[in-house]
Amino acid sequence: MAEAPSKIHSIRKWVVQHKLRTVGCLWLSGISGSIAYNWSQPNMKTSVKIIHARLHAQALTLAALAGAAVVEYYDHHYDTASKTDSNQLLPHSHKDH
């Protein structure tokens, strides 16, 4: 009887399959949270609030892209199941013909 996949494994698998969606959702939540936080600061100009929100979102996007790169690296180097799946996607070499 096979064990049910762990929650971490399920999340990692989803992130591997939906990298761009994950980065986009992190960016959107980051800019939304940053705008909400900056708008609660009464002593800032609107332009400064927008600039801060954009900078926070850029930093979060870079962190999400780095995280996606780490997941991709881990997936390609340590996960044997994905290695066999990725080998099926490679074009056949000329030796096979």
PDB file of N, CA and C in Angstrom:
ATOM      1  N   MET A   1       0.848  -1.169   0.000  1.00  0.00           N
ATOM      2  CA  MET A   1       0.000   0.000   0.000  1.00  0.00           C
ATOM      3  C   MET A   1       0.898   1.238   0.000  1.00  0.00           C
ATOM      4  N   ALA A   2       0.676   2.140  -0.948  1.00  0.00           N
ATOM      5  CA  ALA A   2       1.493   3.337  -1.070  1.00  0.00           C
ATOM      6  C   ALA A   2       1.060   4.376  -0.039  1.00  0.00           C
ATOM      7  N   GLU A   3       2.056   5.098   0.459  1.00  0.00           N
ATOM      8  CA  GLU A   3       1.768   6.159   1.420  1.00  0.00           C
ATOM      9  C   GLU A   3       1.209   7.372   0.691  1.00  0.00           C
ATOM     10  N   ALA A   4       0.345   8.105   1.361  1.00  0.00           N
ATOM     11  CA  ALA A   4      -0.166   9.349   0.794  1.00  0.00           C
ATOM     12  C   ALA A   4       0.971  10.369   0.781  1.00  0.00           C
ATOM     13  N   PRO A   5       1.066  11.169  -0.276  1.00  0.00           N
ATOM     14  CA  PRO A   5       2.146  12.155  -0.320  1.00  0.00           C
ATOM     15  C   PRO A   5       1.995  13.182   0.805  1.00  0.00           C
ATOM     16  N   SER A   6       3.111  13.624   1.326  1.00  0.00           N
ATOM     17  CA  SER A   6       3.068  14.596   2.414  1.00  0.00           C
ATOM     18  C   SER A   6       2.591  15.949   1.886  1.00  0.00           C
ATOM     19  N   LYS A   7       2.176  16.789   2.789  1.00  0.00           N
ATOM     20  CA  LYS A   7       1.680  18.122   2.425  1.00  0.00           C
ATOM     21  C   LYS A   7       2.787  18.932   1.737  1.00  0.00           C
ATOM     22  N   ILE A   8       4.007  18.848   2.263  1.00  0.00           N
ATOM     23  CA  ILE A   8       5.145  19.570   1.675  1.00  0.00           C
ATOM     24  C   ILE A   8       5.405  19.077   0.261  1.00  0.00           C
ATOM     25  N   HIS A   9       5.376  17.757   0.064  1.00  0.00           N
ATOM     26  CA  HIS A   9       5.609  17.193  -1.262  1.00  0.00           C
ATOM     27  C   HIS A   9       4.517  17.637  -2.234  1.00  0.00           C
ATOM     28  N   SER A  10       3.276  17.664  -1.781  1.00  0.00           N
ATOM     29  CA  SER A  10       2.170  18.107  -2.631  1.00  0.00           C
ATOM     30  C   SER A  10       2.323  19.571  -3.021  1.00  0.00           C
ATOM     31  N   ILE A  11       2.709  20.402  -2.063  1.00  0.00           N
ATOM     32  CA  ILE A  11       2.910  21.830  -2.350  1.00  0.00           C
ATOM     33  C   ILE A  11       4.067  22.011  -3.318  1.00  0.00           C
ATOM     34  N   ARG A  12       5.179  21.285  -3.090  1.00  0.00           N
ATOM     35  CA  ARG A  12       6.339  21.393  -3.975  1.00  0.00           C
ATOM     36  C   ARG A  12       5.981  20.970  -5.393  1.00  0.00           C
ATOM     37  N   LYS A  13       5.202  19.917  -5.506  1.00  0.00           N
ATOM     38  CA  LYS A  13       4.793  19.431  -6.829  1.00  0.00           C
ATOM     39  C   LYS A  13       3.943  20.482  -7.536  1.00  0.00           C
ATOM     40  N   TRP A  14       3.023  21.127  -6.806  1.00  0.00           N
ATOM     41  CA  TRP A  14       2.186  22.150  -7.401  1.00  0.00           C
ATOM     42  C   TRP A  14       3.028  23.346  -7.849  1.00  0.00           C
ATOM     43  N   VAL A  15       3.989  23.755  -7.002  1.00  0.00           N
ATOM     44  CA  VAL A  15       4.855  24.892  -7.348  1.00  0.00           C
ATOM     45  C   VAL A  15       5.679  24.569  -8.586  1.00  0.00           C
ATOM     46  N   VAL A  16       6.191  23.339  -8.684  1.00  0.00           N
ATOM     47  CA  VAL A  16       6.977  22.940  -9.859  1.00  0.00           C
ATOM     48  C   VAL A  16       6.124  23.025 -11.117  1.00  0.00           C
ATOM     49  N   GLN A  17       4.880  22.619 -11.027  1.00  0.00           N
ATOM     50  CA  GLN A  17       4.000  22.623 -12.190  1.00  0.00           C
ATOM     51  C   GLN A  17       3.467  24.014 -12.528  1.00  0.00           C
ATOM     52  N   HIS A  18       3.423  24.927 -11.560  1.00  0.00           N
ATOM     53  CA  HIS A  18       2.830  26.254 -11.758  1.00  0.00           C
ATOM     54  C   HIS A  18       3.783  27.359 -11.305  1.00  0.00           C
ATOM     55  N   LYS A  19       4.988  27.358 -11.811  1.00  0.00           N
ATOM     56  CA  LYS A  19       5.995  28.333 -11.364  1.00  0.00           C
ATOM     57  C   LYS A  19       5.563  29.770 -11.618  1.00  0.00           C
ATOM     58  N   LEU A  20       5.138  30.070 -12.835  1.00  0.00           N
ATOM     59  CA  LEU A  20       4.779  31.451 -13.158  1.00  0.00           C
ATOM     60  C   LEU A  20       3.551  31.902 -12.380  1.00  0.00           C
ATOM     61  N   ARG A  21       2.602  31.023 -12.205  1.00  0.00           N
ATOM     62  CA  ARG A  21       1.413  31.367 -11.428  1.00  0.00           C
ATOM     63  C   ARG A  21       1.803  31.659  -9.976  1.00  0.00           C
ATOM     64  N   THR A  22       2.728  30.880  -9.435  1.00  0.00           N
ATOM     65  CA  THR A  22       3.185  31.082  -8.060  1.00  0.00           C
ATOM     66  C   THR A  22       3.871  32.430  -7.917  1.00  0.00           C
ATOM     67  N   VAL A  23       4.764  32.753  -8.855  1.00  0.00           N
ATOM     68  CA  VAL A  23       5.465  34.042  -8.812  1.00  0.00           C
ATOM     69  C   VAL A  23       4.469  35.184  -8.970  1.00  0.00           C
ATOM     70  N   GLY A  24       3.522  35.037  -9.884  1.00  0.00           N
ATOM     71  CA  GLY A  24       2.518  36.082 -10.091  1.00  0.00           C
ATOM     72  C   GLY A  24       1.650  36.309  -8.868  1.00  0.00           C
ATOM     73  N   CYS A  25       1.234  35.224  -8.228  1.00  0.00           N
ATOM     74  CA  CYS A  25       0.415  35.356  -7.010  1.00  0.00           C
ATOM     75  C   CYS A  25       1.203  35.988  -5.875  1.00  0.00           C
ATOM     76  N   LEU A  26       2.477  35.615  -5.741  1.00  0.00           N
ATOM     77  CA  LEU A  26       3.310  36.244  -4.715  1.00  0.00           C
ATOM     78  C   LEU A  26       3.488  37.734  -4.991  1.00  0.00           C
ATOM     79  N   TRP A  27       3.689  38.082  -6.264  1.00  0.00           N
ATOM     80  CA  TRP A  27       3.852  39.490  -6.616  1.00  0.00           C
ATOM     81  C   TRP A  27       2.574  40.268  -6.302  1.00  0.00           C
ATOM     82  N   LEU A  28       1.439  39.721  -6.715  1.00  0.00           N
ATOM     83  CA  LEU A  28       0.165  40.407  -6.486  1.00  0.00           C
ATOM     84  C   LEU A  28      -0.131  40.565  -4.998  1.00  0.00           C
ATOM     85  N   SER A  29       0.109  39.519  -4.229  1.00  0.00           N
ATOM     86  CA  SER A  29      -0.130  39.635  -2.786  1.00  0.00           C
ATOM     87  C   SER A  29       0.877  40.585  -2.144  1.00  0.00           C
ATOM     88  N   GLY A  30       2.109  40.590  -2.641  1.00  0.00           N
ATOM     89  CA  GLY A  30       3.127  41.494  -2.109  1.00  0.00           C
ATOM     90  C   GLY A  30       2.797  42.949  -2.365  1.00  0.00           C
ATOM     91  N   ILE A  31       2.405  43.257  -3.596  1.00  0.00           N
ATOM     92  CA  ILE A  31       2.089  44.659  -3.893  1.00  0.00           C
ATOM     93  C   ILE A  31       0.810  45.081  -3.179  1.00  0.00           C
ATOM     94  N   SER A  32      -0.155  44.175  -3.053  1.00  0.00           N
ATOM     95  CA  SER A  32      -1.392  44.511  -2.332  1.00  0.00           C
ATOM     96  C   SER A  32      -1.106  44.775  -0.855  1.00  0.00           C
ATOM     97  N   GLY A  33      -0.323  43.905  -0.241  1.00  0.00           N
ATOM     98  CA  GLY A  33       0.026  44.093   1.163  1.00  0.00           C
ATOM     99  C   GLY A  33       0.838  45.355   1.394  1.00  0.00           C
ATOM    100  N   SER A  34       1.763  45.616   0.466  1.00  0.00           N
ATOM    101  CA  SER A  34       2.595  46.808   0.604  1.00  0.00           C
ATOM    102  C   SER A  34       1.777  48.084   0.439  1.00  0.00           C
ATOM    103  N   ILE A  35       0.865  48.090  -0.527  1.00  0.00           N
ATOM    104  CA  ILE A  35       0.000  49.265  -0.707  1.00  0.00           C
ATOM    105  C   ILE A  35      -0.877  49.452   0.532  1.00  0.00           C
ATOM    106  N   ALA A  36      -1.429  48.361   1.051  1.00  0.00           N
ATOM    107  CA  ALA A  36      -2.272  48.470   2.257  1.00  0.00           C
ATOM    108  C   ALA A  36      -1.465  49.018   3.433  1.00  0.00           C
ATOM    109  N   TYR A  37      -0.241  48.521   3.587  1.00  0.00           N
ATOM    110  CA  TYR A  37       0.593  49.001   4.690  1.00  0.00           C
ATOM    111  C   TYR A  37       0.961  50.474   4.498  1.00  0.00           C
ATOM    112  N   ASN A  38       1.392  50.821   3.298  1.00  0.00           N
ATOM    113  CA  ASN A  38       1.811  52.201   3.041  1.00  0.00           C
ATOM    114  C   ASN A  38       0.647  53.186   3.156  1.00  0.00           C
ATOM    115  N   TRP A  39      -0.556  52.757   2.778  1.00  0.00           N
ATOM    116  CA  TRP A  39      -1.696  53.651   2.890  1.00  0.00           C
ATOM    117  C   TRP A  39      -2.094  53.873   4.341  1.00  0.00           C
ATOM    118  N   SER A  40      -1.645  53.009   5.239  1.00  0.00           N
ATOM    119  CA  SER A  40      -1.949  53.219   6.653  1.00  0.00           C
ATOM    120  C   SER A  40      -0.977  54.211   7.302  1.00  0.00           C
ATOM    121  N   GLN A  41       0.062  54.588   6.565  1.00  0.00           N
ATOM    122  CA  GLN A  41       1.031  55.576   7.058  1.00  0.00           C
ATOM    123  C   GLN A  41       0.565  56.980   6.650  1.00  0.00           C
ATOM    124  N   PRO A  42       0.092  57.787   7.583  1.00  0.00           N
ATOM    125  CA  PRO A  42      -0.508  59.080   7.216  1.00  0.00           C
ATOM    126  C   PRO A  42       0.504  60.159   6.824  1.00  0.00           C
ATOM    127  N   ASN A  43       1.761  60.028   7.193  1.00  0.00           N
ATOM    128  CA  ASN A  43       2.731  61.100   6.973  1.00  0.00           C
ATOM    129  C   ASN A  43       3.503  60.975   5.663  1.00  0.00           C
ATOM    130  N   MET A  44       3.088  60.103   4.752  1.00  0.00           N
ATOM    131  CA  MET A  44       3.793  59.910   3.484  1.00  0.00           C
ATOM    132  C   MET A  44       2.987  60.483   2.330  1.00  0.00           C
ATOM    133  N   LYS A  45       3.704  61.013   1.342  1.00  0.00           N
ATOM    134  CA  LYS A  45       3.041  61.460   0.120  1.00  0.00           C
ATOM    135  C   LYS A  45       2.573  60.231  -0.662  1.00  0.00           C
ATOM    136  N   THR A  46       1.569  60.427  -1.496  1.00  0.00           N
ATOM    137  CA  THR A  46       1.042  59.321  -2.296  1.00  0.00           C
ATOM    138  C   THR A  46       2.115  58.753  -3.221  1.00  0.00           C
ATOM    139  N   SER A  47       2.914  59.612  -3.828  1.00  0.00           N
ATOM    140  CA  SER A  47       3.958  59.135  -4.743  1.00  0.00           C
ATOM    141  C   SER A  47       4.985  58.268  -4.014  1.00  0.00           C
ATOM    142  N   VAL A  48       5.323  58.618  -2.783  1.00  0.00           N
ATOM    143  CA  VAL A  48       6.269  57.830  -1.995  1.00  0.00           C
ATOM    144  C   VAL A  48       5.647  56.479  -1.631  1.00  0.00           C
ATOM    145  N   LYS A  49       4.358  56.468  -1.313  1.00  0.00           N
ATOM    146  CA  LYS A  49       3.664  55.220  -0.997  1.00  0.00           C
ATOM    147  C   LYS A  49       3.711  54.267  -2.192  1.00  0.00           C
ATOM    148  N   ILE A  50       3.457  54.798  -3.379  1.00  0.00           N
ATOM    149  CA  ILE A  50       3.467  53.970  -4.591  1.00  0.00           C
ATOM    150  C   ILE A  50       4.874  53.462  -4.885  1.00  0.00           C
ATOM    151  N   ILE A  51       5.873  54.309  -4.732  1.00  0.00           N
ATOM    152  CA  ILE A  51       7.264  53.901  -4.970  1.00  0.00           C
ATOM    153  C   ILE A  51       7.667  52.799  -3.990  1.00  0.00           C
ATOM    154  N   HIS A  52       7.316  52.955  -2.725  1.00  0.00           N
ATOM    155  CA  HIS A  52       7.639  51.926  -1.728  1.00  0.00           C
ATOM    156  C   HIS A  52       6.949  50.606  -2.056  1.00  0.00           C
ATOM    157  N   ALA A  53       5.677  50.673  -2.450  1.00  0.00           N
ATOM    158  CA  ALA A  53       4.945  49.457  -2.797  1.00  0.00           C
ATOM    159  C   ALA A  53       5.604  48.759  -3.996  1.00  0.00           C
ATOM    160  N   ARG A  54       6.032  49.533  -4.980  1.00  0.00           N
ATOM    161  CA  ARG A  54       6.683  48.953  -6.157  1.00  0.00           C
ATOM    162  C   ARG A  54       8.013  48.311  -5.782  1.00  0.00           C
ATOM    163  N   LEU A  55       8.784  48.966  -4.944  1.00  0.00           N
ATOM    164  CA  LEU A  55      10.071  48.411  -4.514  1.00  0.00           C
ATOM    165  C   LEU A  55       9.880  47.119  -3.715  1.00  0.00           C
ATOM    166  N   HIS A  56       8.887  47.101  -2.828  1.00  0.00           N
ATOM    167  CA  HIS A  56       8.605  45.881  -2.073  1.00  0.00           C
ATOM    168  C   HIS A  56       8.192  44.748  -3.003  1.00  0.00           C
ATOM    169  N   ALA A  57       7.356  45.071  -3.985  1.00  0.00           N
ATOM    170  CA  ALA A  57       6.907  44.041  -4.923  1.00  0.00           C
ATOM    171  C   ALA A  57       8.069  43.510  -5.761  1.00  0.00           C
ATOM    172  N   GLN A  58       8.983  44.382  -6.165  1.00  0.00           N
ATOM    173  CA  GLN A  58      10.147  43.932  -6.935  1.00  0.00           C
ATOM    174  C   GLN A  58      11.032  43.009  -6.101  1.00  0.00           C
ATOM    175  N   ALA A  59      11.243  43.372  -4.857  1.00  0.00           N
ATOM    176  CA  ALA A  59      12.062  42.523  -3.986  1.00  0.00           C
ATOM    177  C   ALA A  59      11.394  41.167  -3.775  1.00  0.00           C
ATOM    178  N   LEU A  60      10.091  41.160  -3.575  1.00  0.00           N
ATOM    179  CA  LEU A  60       9.369  39.906  -3.393  1.00  0.00           C
ATOM    180  C   LEU A  60       9.394  39.064  -4.668  1.00  0.00           C
ATOM    181  N   THR A  61       9.305  39.714  -5.826  1.00  0.00           N
ATOM    182  CA  THR A  61       9.371  38.993  -7.101  1.00  0.00           C
ATOM    183  C   THR A  61      10.729  38.337  -7.281  1.00  0.00           C
ATOM    184  N   LEU A  62      11.792  39.056  -6.970  1.00  0.00           N
ATOM    185  CA  LEU A  62      13.130  38.464  -7.064  1.00  0.00           C
ATOM    186  C   LEU A  62      13.279  37.281  -6.113  1.00  0.00           C
ATOM    187  N   ALA A  63      12.741  37.410  -4.916  1.00  0.00           N
ATOM    188  CA  ALA A  63      12.801  36.307  -3.959  1.00  0.00           C
ATOM    189  C   ALA A  63      11.987  35.114  -4.460  1.00  0.00           C
ATOM    190  N   ALA A  64      10.822  35.365  -5.053  1.00  0.00           N
ATOM    191  CA  ALA A  64      10.003  34.280  -5.583  1.00  0.00           C
ATOM    192  C   ALA A  64      10.681  33.599  -6.763  1.00  0.00           C
ATOM    193  N   LEU A  65      11.323  34.369  -7.637  1.00  0.00           N
ATOM    194  CA  LEU A  65      12.057  33.786  -8.764  1.00  0.00           C
ATOM    195  C   LEU A  65      13.244  32.960  -8.277  1.00  0.00           C
ATOM    196  N   ALA A  66      13.932  33.456  -7.255  1.00  0.00           N
ATOM    197  CA  ALA A  66      15.039  32.684  -6.683  1.00  0.00           C
ATOM    198  C   ALA A  66      14.513  31.395  -6.056  1.00  0.00           C
ATOM    199  N   GLY A  67      13.385  31.485  -5.368  1.00  0.00           N
ATOM    200  CA  GLY A  67      12.770  30.285  -4.790  1.00  0.00           C
ATOM    201  C   GLY A  67      12.357  29.293  -5.862  1.00  0.00           C
ATOM    202  N   ALA A  68      11.794  29.785  -6.962  1.00  0.00           N
ATOM    203  CA  ALA A  68      11.414  28.904  -8.069  1.00  0.00           C
ATOM    204  C   ALA A  68      12.646  28.257  -8.688  1.00  0.00           C
ATOM    205  N   ALA A  69      13.741  29.005  -8.767  1.00  0.00           N
ATOM    206  CA  ALA A  69      14.984  28.444  -9.302  1.00  0.00           C
ATOM    207  C   ALA A  69      15.510  27.338  -8.386  1.00  0.00           C
ATOM    208  N   VAL A  70      15.421  27.539  -7.077  1.00  0.00           N
ATOM    209  CA  VAL A  70      15.869  26.511  -6.126  1.00  0.00           C
ATOM    210  C   VAL A  70      14.997  25.263  -6.261  1.00  0.00           C
ATOM    211  N   VAL A  71      13.682  25.456  -6.383  1.00  0.00           N
ATOM    212  CA  VAL A  71      12.780  24.318  -6.557  1.00  0.00           C
ATOM    213  C   VAL A  71      13.108  23.581  -7.851  1.00  0.00           C
ATOM    214  N   GLU A  72      13.350  24.333  -8.922  1.00  0.00           N
ATOM    215  CA  GLU A  72      13.699  23.716 -10.206  1.00  0.00           C
ATOM    216  C   GLU A  72      15.011  22.951 -10.108  1.00  0.00           C
ATOM    217  N   TYR A  73      16.011  23.535  -9.456  1.00  0.00           N
ATOM    218  CA  TYR A  73      17.302  22.866  -9.275  1.00  0.00           C
ATOM    219  C   TYR A  73      17.120  21.571  -8.488  1.00  0.00           C
ATOM    220  N   TYR A  74      16.388  21.664  -7.387  1.00  0.00           N
ATOM    221  CA  TYR A  74      16.150  20.482  -6.560  1.00  0.00           C
ATOM    222  C   TYR A  74      15.408  19.420  -7.361  1.00  0.00           C
ATOM    223  N   ASP A  75      14.420  19.854  -8.122  1.00  0.00           N
ATOM    224  CA  ASP A  75      13.615  18.912  -8.886  1.00  0.00           C
ATOM    225  C   ASP A  75      14.449  18.185  -9.937  1.00  0.00           C
ATOM    226  N   HIS A  76      15.346  18.887 -10.592  1.00  0.00           N
ATOM    227  CA  HIS A  76      16.143  18.263 -11.651  1.00  0.00           C
ATOM    228  C   HIS A  76      17.299  17.423 -11.119  1.00  0.00           C
ATOM    229  N   HIS A  77      17.826  17.756  -9.965  1.00  0.00           N
ATOM    230  CA  HIS A  77      19.008  17.053  -9.479  1.00  0.00           C
ATOM    231  C   HIS A  77      18.733  15.972  -8.443  1.00  0.00           C
ATOM    232  N   TYR A  78      17.611  16.071  -7.743  1.00  0.00           N
ATOM    233  CA  TYR A  78      17.386  15.129  -6.657  1.00  0.00           C
ATOM    234  C   TYR A  78      16.121  14.298  -6.796  1.00  0.00           C
ATOM    235  N   ASP A  79      15.251  14.637  -7.696  1.00  0.00           N
ATOM    236  CA  ASP A  79      13.990  13.910  -7.824  1.00  0.00           C
ATOM    237  C   ASP A  79      14.070  12.985  -9.034  1.00  0.00           C
ATOM    238  N   THR A  80      14.178  11.688  -8.799  1.00  0.00           N
ATOM    239  CA  THR A  80      14.344  10.729  -9.890  1.00  0.00           C
ATOM    240  C   THR A  80      13.086  10.627 -10.739  1.00  0.00           C
ATOM    241  N   ALA A  81      11.923  10.845 -10.158  1.00  0.00           N
ATOM    242  CA  ALA A  81      10.684  10.749 -10.930  1.00  0.00           C
ATOM    243  C   ALA A  81      10.631  11.831 -11.997  1.00  0.00           C
ATOM    244  N   SER A  82      11.050  13.041 -11.651  1.00  0.00           N
ATOM    245  CA  SER A  82      11.008  14.113 -12.643  1.00  0.00           C
ATOM    246  C   SER A  82      12.087  13.918 -13.699  1.00  0.00           C
ATOM    247  N   LYS A  83      13.199  13.255 -13.342  1.00  0.00           N
ATOM    248  CA  LYS A  83      14.233  12.991 -14.335  1.00  0.00           C
ATOM    249  C   LYS A  83      13.704  12.065 -15.416  1.00  0.00           C
ATOM    250  N   THR A  84      12.971  11.055 -15.036  1.00  0.00           N
ATOM    251  CA  THR A  84      12.437  10.147 -16.044  1.00  0.00           C
ATOM    252  C   THR A  84      11.353  10.843 -16.858  1.00  0.00           C
ATOM    253  N   ASP A  85      10.563  11.709 -16.228  1.00  0.00           N
ATOM    254  CA  ASP A  85       9.541  12.445 -16.973  1.00  0.00           C
ATOM    255  C   ASP A  85      10.179  13.417 -17.949  1.00  0.00           C
ATOM    256  N   SER A  86      11.244  14.110 -17.533  1.00  0.00           N
ATOM    257  CA  SER A  86      11.880  15.077 -18.422  1.00  0.00           C
ATOM    258  C   SER A  86      12.601  14.381 -19.564  1.00  0.00           C
ATOM    259  N   ASN A  87      13.094  13.146 -19.346  1.00  0.00           N
ATOM    260  CA  ASN A  87      13.737  12.413 -20.429  1.00  0.00           C
ATOM    261  C   ASN A  87      12.732  12.054 -21.516  1.00  0.00           C
ATOM    262  N   GLN A  88      11.489  11.879 -21.193  1.00  0.00           N
ATOM    263  CA  GLN A  88      10.478  11.575 -22.185  1.00  0.00           C
ATOM    264  C   GLN A  88      10.180  12.786 -23.057  1.00  0.00           C
ATOM    265  N   LEU A  89      10.462  13.991 -22.567  1.00  0.00           N
ATOM    266  CA  LEU A  89      10.192  15.200 -23.328  1.00  0.00           C
ATOM    267  C   LEU A  89      11.333  15.578 -24.261  1.00  0.00           C
ATOM    268  N   LEU A  90      12.503  14.990 -24.078  1.00  0.00           N
ATOM    269  CA  LEU A  90      13.638  15.321 -24.915  1.00  0.00           C
ATOM    270  C   LEU A  90      13.464  14.714 -26.300  1.00  0.00           C
ATOM    271  N   PRO A  91      13.916  15.419 -27.349  1.00  0.00           N
ATOM    272  CA  PRO A  91      13.814  14.850 -28.689  1.00  0.00           C
ATOM    273  C   PRO A  91      14.730  13.646 -28.812  1.00  0.00           C
ATOM    274  N   HIS A  92      14.366  12.712 -29.665  1.00  0.00           N
ATOM    275  CA  HIS A  92      15.170  11.515 -29.873  1.00  0.00           C
ATOM    276  C   HIS A  92      16.450  11.879 -30.602  1.00  0.00           C
ATOM    277  N   SER A  93      17.509  11.209 -30.254  1.00  0.00           N
ATOM    278  CA  SER A  93      18.767  11.483 -30.922  1.00  0.00           C
ATOM    279  C   SER A  93      18.764  10.813 -32.295  1.00  0.00           C
ATOM    280  N   HIS A  94      19.721  11.190 -33.127  1.00  0.00           N
ATOM    281  CA  HIS A  94      19.814  10.651 -34.479  1.00  0.00           C
ATOM    282  C   HIS A  94      20.207   9.198 -34.478  1.00  0.00           C
ATOM    283  N   LYS A  95      20.780   8.697 -33.390  1.00  0.00           N
ATOM    284  CA  LYS A  95      21.177   7.303 -33.309  1.00  0.00           C
ATOM    285  C   LYS A  95      19.964   6.373 -33.341  1.00  0.00           C
ATOM    286  N   ASP A  96      18.805   6.882 -32.875  1.00  0.00           N
ATOM    287  CA  ASP A  96      17.612   6.043 -32.809  1.00  0.00           C
ATOM    288  C   ASP A  96      17.000   5.813 -34.176  1.00  0.00           C
ATOM    289  N   HIS A  97      17.323   6.653 -35.146  1.00  0.00           N
ATOM    290  CA  HIS A  97      16.670   6.561 -36.454  1.00  0.00           C
ATOM    291  C   HIS A  97      17.384   5.667 -37.384  1.00  0.00           C
TER     292      HIS A  97
END
